[in-house]
Amino acid sequence: MSKETEFAVFCTESYKAQKRMSGSEVAKLFAKYDVYSYLCEFYDVLHTTGDQYINRDIDAYLQARGAATTI
């Protein structure tokens, strides 16, 4: 497994726990709004930050694309 894939899994689990969503719900949300590509593209910067920062960044990314999220 690549480091980017491991990071995407970490982000999925972290987001799932914070939002109290199922893994399936997060996977569908991330797939619909291409979050996985975003996480891989910006891995070099994002993996150096904490999980709370990453989750806020994912929320901002989703909101910029019109997804209904609550921060």
C-alpha atoms as a PDB file:
ATOM      1  CA  MET A   1       0.000   0.000   0.000  1.00  0.00           C
ATOM      2  CA  SER A   2       1.375   3.421  -0.906  1.00  0.00           C
ATOM      3  CA  LYS A   3       1.923   6.114   1.703  1.00  0.00           C
ATOM      4  CA  GLU A   4      -0.804   8.190   0.044  1.00  0.00           C
ATOM      5  CA  THR A   5      -3.284   5.321   0.286  1.00  0.00           C
ATOM      6  CA  GLU A   6      -2.405   4.746   3.941  1.00  0.00           C
ATOM      7  CA  PHE A   7      -2.932   8.455   4.539  1.00  0.00           C
ATOM      8  CA  ALA A   8      -6.322   8.392   2.801  1.00  0.00           C
ATOM      9  CA  VAL A   9      -7.371   5.471   5.023  1.00  0.00           C
ATOM     10  CA  PHE A  10      -6.207   7.384   8.108  1.00  0.00           C
ATOM     11  CA  CYS A  11      -8.178  10.451   6.998  1.00  0.00           C
ATOM     12  CA  THR A  12     -11.281   8.351   6.343  1.00  0.00           C
ATOM     13  CA  GLU A  13     -11.126   6.804   9.814  1.00  0.00           C
ATOM     14  CA  SER A  14     -10.453  10.136  11.489  1.00  0.00           C
ATOM     15  CA  TYR A  15     -13.287  11.881   9.632  1.00  0.00           C
ATOM     16  CA  LYS A  16     -15.620   8.974  10.373  1.00  0.00           C
ATOM     17  CA  ALA A  17     -14.924   9.188  14.095  1.00  0.00           C
ATOM     18  CA  GLN A  18     -15.240  12.972  14.267  1.00  0.00           C
ATOM     19  CA  LYS A  19     -18.489  13.106  12.312  1.00  0.00           C
ATOM     20  CA  ARG A  20     -19.916   9.909  13.813  1.00  0.00           C
ATOM     21  CA  MET A  21     -20.528   8.500  10.353  1.00  0.00           C
ATOM     22  CA  SER A  22     -20.155   4.954   9.091  1.00  0.00           C
ATOM     23  CA  GLY A  23     -17.195   4.017   6.943  1.00  0.00           C
ATOM     24  CA  SER A  24     -19.557   3.480   4.040  1.00  0.00           C
ATOM     25  CA  GLU A  25     -21.040   6.964   4.418  1.00  0.00           C
ATOM     26  CA  VAL A  26     -17.614   8.587   4.466  1.00  0.00           C
ATOM     27  CA  ALA A  27     -16.409   6.505   1.510  1.00  0.00           C
ATOM     28  CA  LYS A  28     -19.445   7.551  -0.549  1.00  0.00           C
ATOM     29  CA  LEU A  29     -19.024  11.212   0.416  1.00  0.00           C
ATOM     30  CA  PHE A  30     -15.299  11.187  -0.343  1.00  0.00           C
ATOM     31  CA  ALA A  31     -15.837   9.406  -3.658  1.00  0.00           C
ATOM     32  CA  LYS A  32     -18.657  11.728  -4.741  1.00  0.00           C
ATOM     33  CA  TYR A  33     -16.595  14.860  -4.125  1.00  0.00           C
ATOM     34  CA  ASP A  34     -13.209  13.404  -5.137  1.00  0.00           C
ATOM     35  CA  VAL A  35     -11.698  13.875  -1.670  1.00  0.00           C
ATOM     36  CA  TYR A  36      -9.378  10.900  -2.169  1.00  0.00           C
ATOM     37  CA  SER A  37      -7.694  12.590  -5.129  1.00  0.00           C
ATOM     38  CA  TYR A  38      -7.361  15.785  -3.106  1.00  0.00           C
ATOM     39  CA  LEU A  39      -5.752  13.927  -0.203  1.00  0.00           C
ATOM     40  CA  CYS A  40      -3.292  12.178  -2.494  1.00  0.00           C
ATOM     41  CA  GLU A  41      -2.462  15.340  -4.445  1.00  0.00           C
ATOM     42  CA  PHE A  42      -1.714  17.325  -1.289  1.00  0.00           C
ATOM     43  CA  TYR A  43      -0.274  14.464   0.755  1.00  0.00           C
ATOM     44  CA  ASP A  44       3.108  16.181   1.139  1.00  0.00           C
ATOM     45  CA  VAL A  45       1.550  19.116   2.975  1.00  0.00           C
ATOM     46  CA  LEU A  46      -1.402  17.501   4.729  1.00  0.00           C
ATOM     47  CA  HIS A  47       0.371  14.521   6.275  1.00  0.00           C
ATOM     48  CA  THR A  48       2.463  16.895   8.398  1.00  0.00           C
ATOM     49  CA  THR A  49      -0.614  18.355  10.106  1.00  0.00           C
ATOM     50  CA  GLY A  50      -2.836  16.984  12.860  1.00  0.00           C
ATOM     51  CA  ASP A  51      -6.061  15.105  12.373  1.00  0.00           C
ATOM     52  CA  GLN A  52      -8.220  18.026  13.556  1.00  0.00           C
ATOM     53  CA  TYR A  53      -6.628  20.308  10.963  1.00  0.00           C
ATOM     54  CA  ILE A  54      -7.091  17.691   8.255  1.00  0.00           C
ATOM     55  CA  ASN A  55     -10.756  17.208   9.161  1.00  0.00           C
ATOM     56  CA  ARG A  56     -11.369  20.974   9.047  1.00  0.00           C
ATOM     57  CA  ASP A  57      -9.568  21.113   5.705  1.00  0.00           C
ATOM     58  CA  ILE A  58     -11.731  18.286   4.342  1.00  0.00           C
ATOM     59  CA  ASP A  59     -14.846  20.145   5.547  1.00  0.00           C
ATOM     60  CA  ALA A  60     -13.693  23.319   3.775  1.00  0.00           C
ATOM     61  CA  TYR A  61     -12.946  21.330   0.620  1.00  0.00           C
ATOM     62  CA  LEU A  62     -16.393  19.705   0.719  1.00  0.00           C
ATOM     63  CA  GLN A  63     -18.201  22.967   1.397  1.00  0.00           C
ATOM     64  CA  ALA A  64     -16.419  24.640  -1.504  1.00  0.00           C
ATOM     65  CA  ARG A  65     -17.902  21.917  -3.703  1.00  0.00           C
ATOM     66  CA  GLY A  66     -21.426  22.287  -2.350  1.00  0.00           C
ATOM     67  CA  ALA A  67     -21.521  19.304  -0.023  1.00  0.00           C
ATOM     68  CA  ALA A  68     -23.677  19.642   3.060  1.00  0.00           C
ATOM     69  CA  THR A  69     -21.361  19.262   6.061  1.00  0.00           C
ATOM     70  CA  THR A  70     -21.365  20.555   9.577  1.00  0.00           C
ATOM     71  CA  ILE A  71     -18.171  21.805  11.150  1.00  0.00           C
END
